[in-house]
Amino acid sequence: MDPRRCQVRVGGTPLELLPERALLWPEARTLAVADLHWGKTESFQRHGIPLPLGVLDEDLARLSSALISTNARRLLVLGDLVHAREGLTPTLVQRLAAWREAHADVTMVLIRGNHDLRAGPPPEAWRLEVHESHLDEGPFRFAHHPTPESGRYVWAGHVHPTVRLAAGGDRLRLPCFHLGRDVGVLPAFSAFTGGLDVARRPGERVFALAGPSVLEM
């Protein structure tokens, strides 16, 4: 296993937490990510809010790297692939269609999140298999909202979990994986997102994304 990753066992199944902000299910050759928010920059710009243009480039490069390094055959997106309908400019749609074509051998599955529902159906050129609320496989439920489900461990996104670290006078806030007893929440995949600090309860585990590695806190 890549030493930058953390291995966990959930529902008797070995999984890996990747520093690329992704969850790997090796047995199913499946990679899962959440909250990509494609088109967010374009949406903000339409409202006259200037934002850097390199965010999507970095996100796509990181996603490509994760797919290639894991040799995953399937990508699950746990909601909020698209930020808003108004951000889906023709240029962006074509650009993402080209990225999708570069990974044509990977099945791409979208479990729609609240942003996706408002944005409408995704462009056909992206060739997505779409599920409206969840996907059940093995011991897991993959969904957008972190709602417990009896008999299955739920993997979700939506809340963009973060953890705060302090040492001396230094303060740091990092995205993280938050694994509870019944629900595990992935960090937002897009670096251009806010976050919600984790309120950890007894028995829960938190894994921070510390540069090129994943570290349990």
N, C-alpha and C. Protein backbone atom coordinates (compact mmCIF):
# COMPACT_ATOMS: atom_id res chain seq x y z
N MET A 1 0.84 -1.21 0.00
CA MET A 1 0.00 0.00 0.00
C MET A 1 0.87 1.25 0.00
N ASP A 2 0.43 2.26 -0.68
CA ASP A 2 1.12 3.55 -0.69
C ASP A 2 1.21 4.08 0.75
N PRO A 3 2.44 4.38 1.27
CA PRO A 3 2.56 4.82 2.66
C PRO A 3 1.91 6.17 2.95
N ARG A 4 1.52 6.90 1.93
CA ARG A 4 0.85 8.18 2.16
C ARG A 4 -0.61 7.98 2.56
N ARG A 5 -1.12 6.78 2.36
CA ARG A 5 -2.54 6.50 2.62
C ARG A 5 -2.71 5.88 4.01
N CYS A 6 -3.97 5.86 4.47
CA CYS A 6 -4.31 5.16 5.70
C CYS A 6 -5.27 4.03 5.38
N GLN A 7 -5.01 2.87 5.92
CA GLN A 7 -5.92 1.74 5.72
C GLN A 7 -6.85 1.63 6.91
N VAL A 8 -8.11 1.43 6.63
CA VAL A 8 -9.11 1.21 7.67
C VAL A 8 -9.92 -0.01 7.28
N ARG A 9 -10.61 -0.59 8.25
CA ARG A 9 -11.49 -1.72 7.97
C ARG A 9 -12.89 -1.34 8.46
N VAL A 10 -13.84 -1.36 7.55
CA VAL A 10 -15.22 -0.97 7.88
C VAL A 10 -16.15 -2.06 7.37
N GLY A 11 -17.01 -2.54 8.24
CA GLY A 11 -17.92 -3.61 7.83
C GLY A 11 -17.16 -4.85 7.39
N GLY A 12 -15.99 -5.06 7.96
CA GLY A 12 -15.16 -6.21 7.59
C GLY A 12 -14.42 -6.05 6.29
N THR A 13 -14.52 -4.87 5.67
CA THR A 13 -13.92 -4.63 4.36
C THR A 13 -12.74 -3.68 4.46
N PRO A 14 -11.56 -4.06 3.93
CA PRO A 14 -10.43 -3.12 3.93
C PRO A 14 -10.62 -2.00 2.93
N LEU A 15 -10.35 -0.78 3.38
CA LEU A 15 -10.48 0.42 2.56
C LEU A 15 -9.24 1.29 2.76
N GLU A 16 -9.02 2.22 1.84
CA GLU A 16 -7.90 3.13 1.98
C GLU A 16 -8.38 4.58 1.86
N LEU A 17 -7.83 5.43 2.73
CA LEU A 17 -8.10 6.87 2.68
C LEU A 17 -6.92 7.54 1.99
N LEU A 18 -7.19 8.22 0.90
CA LEU A 18 -6.13 8.77 0.05
C LEU A 18 -5.92 10.26 0.30
N PRO A 19 -4.66 10.73 0.22
CA PRO A 19 -4.41 12.17 0.37
C PRO A 19 -5.00 12.99 -0.76
N GLU A 20 -5.41 12.34 -1.84
CA GLU A 20 -6.08 13.07 -2.94
C GLU A 20 -7.52 13.39 -2.60
N ARG A 21 -7.91 13.17 -1.31
CA ARG A 21 -9.29 13.42 -0.84
C ARG A 21 -10.27 12.40 -1.41
N ALA A 22 -9.86 11.16 -1.42
CA ALA A 22 -10.68 10.11 -2.00
C ALA A 22 -10.63 8.86 -1.13
N LEU A 23 -11.66 8.04 -1.29
CA LEU A 23 -11.77 6.75 -0.60
C LEU A 23 -11.60 5.66 -1.64
N LEU A 24 -10.74 4.67 -1.34
CA LEU A 24 -10.52 3.57 -2.27
C LEU A 24 -11.08 2.29 -1.66
N TRP A 25 -11.89 1.59 -2.44
CA TRP A 25 -12.39 0.26 -2.10
C TRP A 25 -11.67 -0.70 -3.04
N PRO A 26 -10.50 -1.21 -2.62
CA PRO A 26 -9.66 -1.98 -3.55
C PRO A 26 -10.35 -3.21 -4.12
N GLU A 27 -11.08 -3.93 -3.28
CA GLU A 27 -11.72 -5.17 -3.72
C GLU A 27 -12.68 -4.91 -4.88
N ALA A 28 -13.33 -3.76 -4.89
CA ALA A 28 -14.29 -3.43 -5.95
C ALA A 28 -13.66 -2.54 -7.02
N ARG A 29 -12.36 -2.26 -6.87
CA ARG A 29 -11.64 -1.36 -7.79
C ARG A 29 -12.43 -0.06 -8.00
N THR A 30 -12.88 0.47 -6.88
CA THR A 30 -13.76 1.64 -6.89
C THR A 30 -13.15 2.78 -6.07
N LEU A 31 -13.19 3.96 -6.65
CA LEU A 31 -12.75 5.18 -5.98
C LEU A 31 -13.99 6.03 -5.72
N ALA A 32 -14.08 6.63 -4.53
CA ALA A 32 -15.23 7.48 -4.20
C ALA A 32 -14.73 8.87 -3.79
N VAL A 33 -15.41 9.89 -4.28
CA VAL A 33 -15.12 11.28 -3.93
C VAL A 33 -16.45 11.99 -3.72
N ALA A 34 -16.38 13.18 -3.10
CA ALA A 34 -17.62 13.94 -2.84
C ALA A 34 -17.36 15.42 -3.02
N ASP A 35 -18.39 16.14 -3.42
CA ASP A 35 -18.37 17.60 -3.42
C ASP A 35 -17.27 18.18 -4.30
N LEU A 36 -17.38 17.90 -5.60
CA LEU A 36 -16.41 18.47 -6.56
C LEU A 36 -16.76 19.90 -6.95
N HIS A 37 -18.06 20.21 -6.99
CA HIS A 37 -18.54 21.57 -7.27
C HIS A 37 -17.97 22.13 -8.56
N TRP A 38 -18.05 21.35 -9.63
CA TRP A 38 -17.62 21.84 -10.93
C TRP A 38 -18.48 23.04 -11.34
N GLY A 39 -17.82 24.06 -11.87
CA GLY A 39 -18.52 25.26 -12.32
C GLY A 39 -18.70 26.31 -11.24
N LYS A 40 -18.12 26.10 -10.07
CA LYS A 40 -18.30 27.09 -9.00
C LYS A 40 -17.64 28.42 -9.35
N THR A 41 -16.45 28.36 -9.92
CA THR A 41 -15.77 29.60 -10.31
C THR A 41 -16.61 30.36 -11.33
N GLU A 42 -17.13 29.63 -12.32
CA GLU A 42 -17.94 30.29 -13.36
C GLU A 42 -19.21 30.90 -12.75
N SER A 43 -19.80 30.22 -11.79
CA SER A 43 -21.01 30.75 -11.15
C SER A 43 -20.72 32.05 -10.43
N PHE A 44 -19.63 32.09 -9.68
CA PHE A 44 -19.27 33.30 -8.95
C PHE A 44 -18.95 34.44 -9.92
N GLN A 45 -18.25 34.11 -10.99
CA GLN A 45 -17.88 35.16 -11.94
C GLN A 45 -19.11 35.77 -12.59
N ARG A 46 -20.15 34.98 -12.78
CA ARG A 46 -21.38 35.52 -13.37
C ARG A 46 -22.04 36.54 -12.45
N HIS A 47 -21.69 36.48 -11.17
CA HIS A 47 -22.21 37.45 -10.21
C HIS A 47 -21.19 38.57 -9.94
N GLY A 48 -20.16 38.62 -10.78
CA GLY A 48 -19.19 39.70 -10.66
C GLY A 48 -18.16 39.51 -9.57
N ILE A 49 -18.03 38.27 -9.08
CA ILE A 49 -17.05 37.98 -8.03
C ILE A 49 -15.83 37.34 -8.67
N PRO A 50 -14.70 38.04 -8.74
CA PRO A 50 -13.52 37.47 -9.40
C PRO A 50 -12.89 36.37 -8.57
N LEU A 51 -12.57 35.25 -9.22
CA LEU A 51 -11.94 34.13 -8.54
C LEU A 51 -10.83 33.57 -9.42
N PRO A 52 -9.84 32.94 -8.83
CA PRO A 52 -8.76 32.36 -9.63
C PRO A 52 -9.29 31.24 -10.52
N LEU A 53 -8.68 31.06 -11.70
CA LEU A 53 -9.16 30.09 -12.68
C LEU A 53 -8.45 28.74 -12.56
N GLY A 54 -7.42 28.66 -11.73
CA GLY A 54 -6.64 27.44 -11.68
C GLY A 54 -7.17 26.35 -10.78
N VAL A 55 -8.25 26.64 -10.05
CA VAL A 55 -8.76 25.67 -9.08
C VAL A 55 -9.20 24.38 -9.76
N LEU A 56 -9.95 24.51 -10.84
CA LEU A 56 -10.44 23.31 -11.53
C LEU A 56 -9.29 22.51 -12.12
N ASP A 57 -8.29 23.20 -12.66
CA ASP A 57 -7.12 22.48 -13.20
C ASP A 57 -6.49 21.60 -12.13
N GLU A 58 -6.31 22.17 -10.94
CA GLU A 58 -5.68 21.42 -9.86
C GLU A 58 -6.57 20.26 -9.41
N ASP A 59 -7.88 20.49 -9.33
CA ASP A 59 -8.79 19.42 -8.92
C ASP A 59 -8.78 18.28 -9.94
N LEU A 60 -8.82 18.60 -11.22
CA LEU A 60 -8.84 17.57 -12.26
C LEU A 60 -7.53 16.79 -12.28
N ALA A 61 -6.41 17.49 -12.08
CA ALA A 61 -5.12 16.81 -12.07
C ALA A 61 -5.05 15.84 -10.89
N ARG A 62 -5.57 16.25 -9.75
CA ARG A 62 -5.56 15.39 -8.56
C ARG A 62 -6.48 14.18 -8.76
N LEU A 63 -7.63 14.42 -9.40
CA LEU A 63 -8.55 13.31 -9.64
C LEU A 63 -7.96 12.32 -10.65
N SER A 64 -7.33 12.84 -11.68
CA SER A 64 -6.67 11.96 -12.65
C SER A 64 -5.58 11.15 -11.98
N SER A 65 -4.81 11.81 -11.13
CA SER A 65 -3.72 11.13 -10.43
C SER A 65 -4.26 9.99 -9.57
N ALA A 66 -5.36 10.24 -8.87
CA ALA A 66 -5.95 9.20 -8.01
C ALA A 66 -6.45 8.02 -8.84
N LEU A 67 -7.10 8.31 -9.97
CA LEU A 67 -7.60 7.22 -10.82
C LEU A 67 -6.46 6.38 -11.38
N ILE A 68 -5.41 7.05 -11.82
CA ILE A 68 -4.29 6.33 -12.44
C ILE A 68 -3.50 5.54 -11.40
N SER A 69 -3.22 6.16 -10.26
CA SER A 69 -2.38 5.49 -9.27
C SER A 69 -3.08 4.29 -8.62
N THR A 70 -4.41 4.31 -8.56
CA THR A 70 -5.15 3.20 -7.96
C THR A 70 -5.62 2.18 -9.00
N ASN A 71 -5.55 2.57 -10.28
CA ASN A 71 -6.08 1.72 -11.35
C ASN A 71 -7.55 1.38 -11.12
N ALA A 72 -8.29 2.33 -10.56
CA ALA A 72 -9.71 2.13 -10.32
C ALA A 72 -10.46 2.02 -11.65
N ARG A 73 -11.47 1.17 -11.65
CA ARG A 73 -12.28 0.98 -12.85
C ARG A 73 -13.62 1.71 -12.73
N ARG A 74 -13.88 2.26 -11.54
CA ARG A 74 -15.15 2.95 -11.34
C ARG A 74 -14.94 4.12 -10.40
N LEU A 75 -15.59 5.23 -10.71
CA LEU A 75 -15.54 6.43 -9.87
C LEU A 75 -16.94 6.73 -9.37
N LEU A 76 -17.11 6.74 -8.04
CA LEU A 76 -18.39 7.13 -7.44
C LEU A 76 -18.28 8.57 -6.97
N VAL A 77 -19.19 9.40 -7.40
CA VAL A 77 -19.25 10.78 -6.93
C VAL A 77 -20.43 10.89 -5.97
N LEU A 78 -20.12 11.16 -4.71
CA LEU A 78 -21.16 11.18 -3.68
C LEU A 78 -21.81 12.56 -3.56
N GLY A 79 -22.26 13.05 -4.68
CA GLY A 79 -23.05 14.27 -4.69
C GLY A 79 -22.28 15.56 -4.88
N ASP A 80 -23.03 16.55 -5.38
CA ASP A 80 -22.52 17.89 -5.66
C ASP A 80 -21.33 17.84 -6.61
N LEU A 81 -21.54 17.15 -7.69
CA LEU A 81 -20.57 17.19 -8.80
C LEU A 81 -20.57 18.58 -9.41
N VAL A 82 -21.78 19.13 -9.61
CA VAL A 82 -21.94 20.46 -10.21
C VAL A 82 -22.36 21.44 -9.13
N HIS A 83 -21.83 22.65 -9.20
CA HIS A 83 -22.19 23.65 -8.20
C HIS A 83 -23.54 24.30 -8.49
N ALA A 84 -23.73 24.74 -9.75
CA ALA A 84 -24.98 25.42 -10.11
C ALA A 84 -25.15 25.38 -11.62
N ARG A 85 -26.40 25.38 -12.07
CA ARG A 85 -26.68 25.34 -13.50
C ARG A 85 -26.01 26.49 -14.25
N GLU A 86 -26.02 27.68 -13.64
CA GLU A 86 -25.48 28.85 -14.33
C GLU A 86 -23.97 28.76 -14.56
N GLY A 87 -23.30 27.86 -13.83
CA GLY A 87 -21.86 27.69 -14.02
C GLY A 87 -21.51 26.77 -15.16
N LEU A 88 -22.51 26.08 -15.73
CA LEU A 88 -22.24 25.14 -16.80
C LEU A 88 -22.16 25.86 -18.15
N THR A 89 -21.12 26.61 -18.32
CA THR A 89 -20.91 27.30 -19.59
C THR A 89 -20.52 26.29 -20.66
N PRO A 90 -20.77 26.58 -21.94
CA PRO A 90 -20.36 25.65 -23.01
C PRO A 90 -18.88 25.31 -22.95
N THR A 91 -18.07 26.30 -22.63
CA THR A 91 -16.62 26.04 -22.54
C THR A 91 -16.31 25.03 -21.44
N LEU A 92 -16.96 25.20 -20.29
CA LEU A 92 -16.71 24.28 -19.17
C LEU A 92 -17.20 22.87 -19.51
N VAL A 93 -18.40 22.79 -20.10
CA VAL A 93 -18.95 21.47 -20.45
C VAL A 93 -18.01 20.74 -21.41
N GLN A 94 -17.50 21.44 -22.41
CA GLN A 94 -16.60 20.81 -23.38
C GLN A 94 -15.28 20.41 -22.73
N ARG A 95 -14.79 21.27 -21.86
CA ARG A 95 -13.52 20.99 -21.19
C ARG A 95 -13.64 19.73 -20.33
N LEU A 96 -14.74 19.60 -19.61
CA LEU A 96 -14.93 18.44 -18.75
C LEU A 96 -15.26 17.19 -19.56
N ALA A 97 -15.89 17.38 -20.72
CA ALA A 97 -16.12 16.23 -21.61
C ALA A 97 -14.78 15.69 -22.11
N ALA A 98 -13.84 16.57 -22.38
CA ALA A 98 -12.51 16.13 -22.83
C ALA A 98 -11.80 15.39 -21.70
N TRP A 99 -11.94 15.89 -20.48
CA TRP A 99 -11.33 15.18 -19.33
C TRP A 99 -11.98 13.80 -19.18
N ARG A 100 -13.30 13.76 -19.34
CA ARG A 100 -14.01 12.48 -19.20
C ARG A 100 -13.54 11.50 -20.27
N GLU A 101 -13.32 11.98 -21.47
CA GLU A 101 -12.87 11.12 -22.57
C GLU A 101 -11.49 10.55 -22.29
N ALA A 102 -10.68 11.32 -21.58
CA ALA A 102 -9.33 10.83 -21.22
C ALA A 102 -9.40 9.67 -20.24
N HIS A 103 -10.55 9.50 -19.59
CA HIS A 103 -10.75 8.39 -18.65
C HIS A 103 -11.96 7.56 -19.11
N ALA A 104 -12.03 7.33 -20.40
CA ALA A 104 -13.20 6.66 -20.98
C ALA A 104 -13.38 5.24 -20.47
N ASP A 105 -12.30 4.61 -20.00
CA ASP A 105 -12.42 3.23 -19.54
C ASP A 105 -12.90 3.13 -18.09
N VAL A 106 -13.14 4.26 -17.45
CA VAL A 106 -13.62 4.29 -16.07
C VAL A 106 -15.13 4.56 -16.07
N THR A 107 -15.88 3.70 -15.41
CA THR A 107 -17.32 3.96 -15.24
C THR A 107 -17.49 5.05 -14.19
N MET A 108 -18.27 6.05 -14.53
CA MET A 108 -18.44 7.18 -13.62
C MET A 108 -19.89 7.24 -13.16
N VAL A 109 -20.07 7.19 -11.84
CA VAL A 109 -21.41 7.12 -11.25
C VAL A 109 -21.64 8.34 -10.37
N LEU A 110 -22.76 8.99 -10.58
CA LEU A 110 -23.13 10.15 -9.76
C LEU A 110 -24.32 9.82 -8.88
N ILE A 111 -24.16 9.96 -7.56
CA ILE A 111 -25.30 9.96 -6.64
C ILE A 111 -25.61 11.43 -6.39
N ARG A 112 -26.76 11.88 -6.83
CA ARG A 112 -27.01 13.32 -6.88
C ARG A 112 -27.12 13.93 -5.49
N GLY A 113 -26.49 15.11 -5.36
CA GLY A 113 -26.57 15.88 -4.13
C GLY A 113 -27.50 17.07 -4.29
N ASN A 114 -27.61 17.88 -3.26
CA ASN A 114 -28.54 19.00 -3.30
C ASN A 114 -28.19 20.00 -4.41
N HIS A 115 -26.91 20.24 -4.65
CA HIS A 115 -26.53 21.15 -5.74
C HIS A 115 -26.87 20.54 -7.10
N ASP A 116 -26.65 19.22 -7.25
CA ASP A 116 -26.95 18.56 -8.52
C ASP A 116 -28.44 18.61 -8.83
N LEU A 117 -29.26 18.47 -7.81
CA LEU A 117 -30.70 18.49 -8.02
C LEU A 117 -31.15 19.86 -8.54
N ARG A 118 -30.53 20.92 -8.02
CA ARG A 118 -30.90 22.26 -8.49
C ARG A 118 -30.33 22.54 -9.88
N ALA A 119 -29.20 21.90 -10.20
CA ALA A 119 -28.53 22.17 -11.48
C ALA A 119 -29.20 21.45 -12.65
N GLY A 120 -30.02 20.43 -12.35
CA GLY A 120 -30.67 19.67 -13.42
C GLY A 120 -29.78 18.52 -13.88
N PRO A 121 -30.23 17.81 -14.94
CA PRO A 121 -29.47 16.64 -15.41
C PRO A 121 -28.06 17.04 -15.86
N PRO A 122 -27.06 16.21 -15.57
CA PRO A 122 -25.71 16.53 -16.03
C PRO A 122 -25.60 16.39 -17.55
N PRO A 123 -24.66 17.08 -18.17
CA PRO A 123 -24.50 16.98 -19.64
C PRO A 123 -24.28 15.54 -20.09
N GLU A 124 -24.92 15.15 -21.19
CA GLU A 124 -24.78 13.78 -21.69
C GLU A 124 -23.34 13.46 -22.07
N ALA A 125 -22.60 14.47 -22.49
CA ALA A 125 -21.21 14.25 -22.92
C ALA A 125 -20.33 13.72 -21.80
N TRP A 126 -20.77 13.87 -20.57
CA TRP A 126 -19.95 13.40 -19.44
C TRP A 126 -20.18 11.91 -19.17
N ARG A 127 -21.19 11.32 -19.77
CA ARG A 127 -21.46 9.88 -19.70
C ARG A 127 -21.46 9.37 -18.26
N LEU A 128 -22.44 9.83 -17.53
CA LEU A 128 -22.58 9.45 -16.12
C LEU A 128 -23.73 8.47 -15.94
N GLU A 129 -23.54 7.52 -15.06
CA GLU A 129 -24.65 6.71 -14.54
C GLU A 129 -25.17 7.46 -13.32
N VAL A 130 -26.45 7.79 -13.30
CA VAL A 130 -26.97 8.69 -12.26
C VAL A 130 -27.93 7.95 -11.33
N HIS A 131 -27.73 8.13 -10.03
CA HIS A 131 -28.66 7.63 -9.00
C HIS A 131 -29.19 8.84 -8.23
N GLU A 132 -30.48 8.82 -7.99
CA GLU A 132 -31.11 10.00 -7.40
C GLU A 132 -30.74 10.23 -5.94
N SER A 133 -30.64 9.18 -5.14
CA SER A 133 -30.42 9.40 -3.71
C SER A 133 -29.31 8.56 -3.09
N HIS A 134 -29.12 7.32 -3.57
CA HIS A 134 -28.10 6.48 -2.94
C HIS A 134 -27.80 5.27 -3.82
N LEU A 135 -26.74 4.57 -3.44
CA LEU A 135 -26.37 3.32 -4.10
C LEU A 135 -25.92 2.35 -3.01
N ASP A 136 -26.58 1.18 -2.94
CA ASP A 136 -26.23 0.16 -1.95
C ASP A 136 -25.38 -0.91 -2.61
N GLU A 137 -24.23 -1.19 -2.00
CA GLU A 137 -23.36 -2.27 -2.49
C GLU A 137 -22.61 -2.87 -1.32
N GLY A 138 -22.56 -4.21 -1.27
CA GLY A 138 -21.86 -4.88 -0.18
C GLY A 138 -22.38 -4.39 1.16
N PRO A 139 -21.48 -4.08 2.09
CA PRO A 139 -21.94 -3.63 3.40
C PRO A 139 -22.20 -2.12 3.45
N PHE A 140 -22.11 -1.44 2.30
CA PHE A 140 -22.12 0.02 2.29
C PHE A 140 -23.37 0.61 1.62
N ARG A 141 -23.70 1.82 2.04
CA ARG A 141 -24.59 2.71 1.30
C ARG A 141 -23.77 3.94 0.93
N PHE A 142 -23.75 4.29 -0.34
CA PHE A 142 -23.11 5.51 -0.81
C PHE A 142 -24.19 6.54 -1.07
N ALA A 143 -24.05 7.72 -0.46
CA ALA A 143 -25.09 8.74 -0.54
C ALA A 143 -24.43 10.12 -0.45
N HIS A 144 -25.24 11.16 -0.59
CA HIS A 144 -24.69 12.51 -0.40
C HIS A 144 -24.85 12.96 1.04
N HIS A 145 -26.03 12.78 1.58
CA HIS A 145 -26.28 13.23 2.95
C HIS A 145 -25.86 12.15 3.96
N PRO A 146 -25.19 12.54 5.02
CA PRO A 146 -24.71 11.57 6.01
C PRO A 146 -25.81 11.11 6.96
N THR A 147 -26.76 10.39 6.41
CA THR A 147 -27.89 9.90 7.20
C THR A 147 -27.71 8.40 7.47
N PRO A 148 -27.71 7.98 8.73
CA PRO A 148 -27.52 6.55 9.03
C PRO A 148 -28.59 5.69 8.37
N GLU A 149 -28.20 4.46 8.02
CA GLU A 149 -29.11 3.49 7.41
C GLU A 149 -28.93 2.16 8.10
N SER A 150 -29.99 1.61 8.65
CA SER A 150 -29.91 0.36 9.39
C SER A 150 -29.35 -0.76 8.52
N GLY A 151 -28.35 -1.46 9.04
CA GLY A 151 -27.80 -2.61 8.33
C GLY A 151 -26.70 -2.31 7.36
N ARG A 152 -26.39 -1.02 7.14
CA ARG A 152 -25.31 -0.65 6.22
C ARG A 152 -24.49 0.49 6.80
N TYR A 153 -23.21 0.50 6.44
CA TYR A 153 -22.37 1.64 6.79
C TYR A 153 -22.48 2.65 5.65
N VAL A 154 -22.77 3.89 5.99
CA VAL A 154 -23.01 4.93 5.00
C VAL A 154 -21.74 5.74 4.75
N TRP A 155 -21.40 5.87 3.48
CA TRP A 155 -20.34 6.81 3.07
C TRP A 155 -21.00 8.00 2.40
N ALA A 156 -20.63 9.22 2.83
CA ALA A 156 -21.33 10.40 2.35
C ALA A 156 -20.37 11.59 2.26
N GLY A 157 -20.92 12.73 1.84
CA GLY A 157 -20.18 13.98 1.76
C GLY A 157 -21.01 15.08 2.40
N HIS A 158 -21.20 16.16 1.67
CA HIS A 158 -22.13 17.24 1.99
C HIS A 158 -21.60 18.25 3.01
N VAL A 159 -20.99 17.79 4.12
CA VAL A 159 -20.67 18.75 5.19
C VAL A 159 -19.23 19.26 5.16
N HIS A 160 -18.40 18.74 4.25
CA HIS A 160 -17.02 19.24 4.09
C HIS A 160 -16.28 19.25 5.45
N PRO A 161 -16.08 18.11 6.08
CA PRO A 161 -15.49 18.12 7.43
C PRO A 161 -14.07 18.66 7.47
N THR A 162 -13.77 19.38 8.55
CA THR A 162 -12.43 19.92 8.79
C THR A 162 -12.07 19.69 10.25
N VAL A 163 -10.75 19.74 10.54
CA VAL A 163 -10.27 19.57 11.90
C VAL A 163 -9.27 20.70 12.18
N ARG A 164 -9.30 21.21 13.40
CA ARG A 164 -8.39 22.29 13.79
C ARG A 164 -7.25 21.72 14.62
N LEU A 165 -6.03 22.15 14.31
CA LEU A 165 -4.84 21.74 15.03
C LEU A 165 -4.20 22.97 15.64
N ALA A 166 -3.60 22.80 16.80
CA ALA A 166 -2.94 23.93 17.47
C ALA A 166 -1.67 23.43 18.13
N ALA A 167 -0.58 24.20 17.98
CA ALA A 167 0.68 23.88 18.64
C ALA A 167 1.37 25.21 18.93
N GLY A 168 1.55 25.50 20.22
CA GLY A 168 2.10 26.80 20.58
C GLY A 168 1.19 27.90 20.09
N GLY A 169 1.75 28.83 19.34
CA GLY A 169 0.93 29.91 18.81
C GLY A 169 0.40 29.64 17.42
N ASP A 170 0.68 28.46 16.88
CA ASP A 170 0.27 28.14 15.51
C ASP A 170 -1.12 27.51 15.50
N ARG A 171 -1.87 27.86 14.50
CA ARG A 171 -3.21 27.29 14.31
C ARG A 171 -3.33 26.83 12.86
N LEU A 172 -3.99 25.69 12.68
CA LEU A 172 -4.13 25.14 11.33
C LEU A 172 -5.48 24.46 11.22
N ARG A 173 -6.12 24.63 10.08
CA ARG A 173 -7.41 23.99 9.83
C ARG A 173 -7.27 23.15 8.56
N LEU A 174 -7.55 21.85 8.68
CA LEU A 174 -7.33 20.93 7.57
C LEU A 174 -8.61 20.16 7.24
N PRO A 175 -8.83 19.87 5.96
CA PRO A 175 -9.92 18.95 5.61
C PRO A 175 -9.61 17.57 6.16
N CYS A 176 -10.65 16.78 6.38
CA CYS A 176 -10.43 15.47 7.01
C CYS A 176 -11.51 14.47 6.62
N PHE A 177 -11.19 13.21 6.84
CA PHE A 177 -12.18 12.14 6.84
C PHE A 177 -12.70 12.01 8.28
N HIS A 178 -14.01 11.84 8.43
CA HIS A 178 -14.61 11.70 9.75
C HIS A 178 -15.40 10.40 9.79
N LEU A 179 -14.87 9.41 10.50
CA LEU A 179 -15.49 8.09 10.53
C LEU A 179 -16.19 7.87 11.86
N GLY A 180 -17.52 7.86 11.79
CA GLY A 180 -18.33 7.56 12.96
C GLY A 180 -18.68 6.08 13.01
N ARG A 181 -19.54 5.70 13.94
CA ARG A 181 -19.91 4.29 14.08
C ARG A 181 -20.72 3.80 12.89
N ASP A 182 -21.61 4.65 12.37
CA ASP A 182 -22.51 4.23 11.30
C ASP A 182 -22.31 4.98 9.99
N VAL A 183 -21.61 6.11 10.06
CA VAL A 183 -21.45 6.97 8.88
C VAL A 183 -20.01 7.47 8.79
N GLY A 184 -19.46 7.43 7.58
CA GLY A 184 -18.16 8.02 7.31
C GLY A 184 -18.33 9.16 6.31
N VAL A 185 -17.75 10.32 6.63
CA VAL A 185 -17.90 11.48 5.75
C VAL A 185 -16.57 11.79 5.09
N LEU A 186 -16.61 11.94 3.78
CA LEU A 186 -15.42 12.27 3.01
C LEU A 186 -15.17 13.77 3.03
N PRO A 187 -13.92 14.20 2.93
CA PRO A 187 -13.67 15.64 2.77
C PRO A 187 -14.17 16.11 1.41
N ALA A 188 -14.48 17.38 1.30
CA ALA A 188 -14.83 17.93 -0.01
C ALA A 188 -13.65 17.73 -0.95
N PHE A 189 -13.93 17.23 -2.16
CA PHE A 189 -12.83 17.00 -3.09
C PHE A 189 -12.27 18.32 -3.61
N SER A 190 -13.12 19.26 -3.91
CA SER A 190 -12.62 20.54 -4.41
C SER A 190 -11.91 21.31 -3.31
N ALA A 191 -10.75 21.84 -3.65
CA ALA A 191 -10.02 22.67 -2.69
C ALA A 191 -10.72 24.01 -2.49
N PHE A 192 -11.63 24.36 -3.38
CA PHE A 192 -12.32 25.65 -3.33
C PHE A 192 -13.66 25.47 -2.60
N THR A 193 -13.59 25.11 -1.34
CA THR A 193 -14.80 24.93 -0.54
C THR A 193 -14.52 25.38 0.89
N GLY A 194 -15.58 25.68 1.62
CA GLY A 194 -15.47 25.93 3.04
C GLY A 194 -15.51 24.59 3.77
N GLY A 195 -15.74 24.65 5.07
CA GLY A 195 -15.78 23.40 5.81
C GLY A 195 -16.48 23.56 7.15
N LEU A 196 -16.78 22.43 7.75
CA LEU A 196 -17.43 22.40 9.06
C LEU A 196 -16.55 21.62 10.02
N ASP A 197 -16.13 22.26 11.12
CA ASP A 197 -15.27 21.58 12.08
C ASP A 197 -15.96 20.37 12.69
N VAL A 198 -15.22 19.29 12.77
CA VAL A 198 -15.75 18.04 13.30
C VAL A 198 -15.97 18.15 14.81
N ALA A 199 -17.11 17.70 15.27
CA ALA A 199 -17.36 17.55 16.71
C ALA A 199 -17.27 16.06 16.98
N ARG A 200 -16.08 15.64 17.44
CA ARG A 200 -15.81 14.21 17.57
C ARG A 200 -16.43 13.64 18.85
N ARG A 201 -17.15 12.53 18.69
CA ARG A 201 -17.72 11.82 19.83
C ARG A 201 -16.88 10.59 20.14
N PRO A 202 -17.01 10.02 21.33
CA PRO A 202 -16.20 8.86 21.69
C PRO A 202 -16.33 7.73 20.67
N GLY A 203 -15.19 7.17 20.32
CA GLY A 203 -15.18 6.06 19.37
C GLY A 203 -15.06 6.47 17.92
N GLU A 204 -15.20 7.74 17.63
CA GLU A 204 -15.10 8.20 16.25
C GLU A 204 -13.62 8.45 15.89
N ARG A 205 -13.32 8.37 14.60
CA ARG A 205 -11.95 8.54 14.13
C ARG A 205 -11.88 9.69 13.12
N VAL A 206 -10.81 10.45 13.22
CA VAL A 206 -10.60 11.58 12.32
C VAL A 206 -9.23 11.44 11.67
N PHE A 207 -9.21 11.58 10.34
CA PHE A 207 -7.98 11.47 9.57
C PHE A 207 -7.79 12.77 8.79
N ALA A 208 -6.74 13.51 9.14
CA ALA A 208 -6.51 14.82 8.50
C ALA A 208 -5.71 14.66 7.22
N LEU A 209 -5.97 15.54 6.27
CA LEU A 209 -5.20 15.60 5.04
C LEU A 209 -4.05 16.57 5.26
N ALA A 210 -2.90 16.01 5.55
CA ALA A 210 -1.73 16.82 5.89
C ALA A 210 -0.75 16.80 4.73
N GLY A 211 -0.92 17.73 3.80
CA GLY A 211 -0.05 17.77 2.64
C GLY A 211 -0.15 16.50 1.82
N PRO A 212 0.96 15.78 1.63
CA PRO A 212 0.91 14.59 0.77
C PRO A 212 0.48 13.33 1.49
N SER A 213 0.07 13.43 2.76
CA SER A 213 -0.25 12.24 3.54
C SER A 213 -1.59 12.37 4.25
N VAL A 214 -2.10 11.22 4.71
CA VAL A 214 -3.28 11.18 5.56
C VAL A 214 -2.82 10.73 6.94
N LEU A 215 -3.16 11.50 7.96
CA LEU A 215 -2.70 11.21 9.32
C LEU A 215 -3.89 11.12 10.26
N GLU A 216 -3.92 10.08 11.09
CA GLU A 216 -5.00 9.99 12.07
C GLU A 216 -4.71 10.92 13.23
N MET A 217 -5.73 11.68 13.63
CA MET A 217 -5.57 12.65 14.72
C MET A 217 -5.97 12.02 16.05
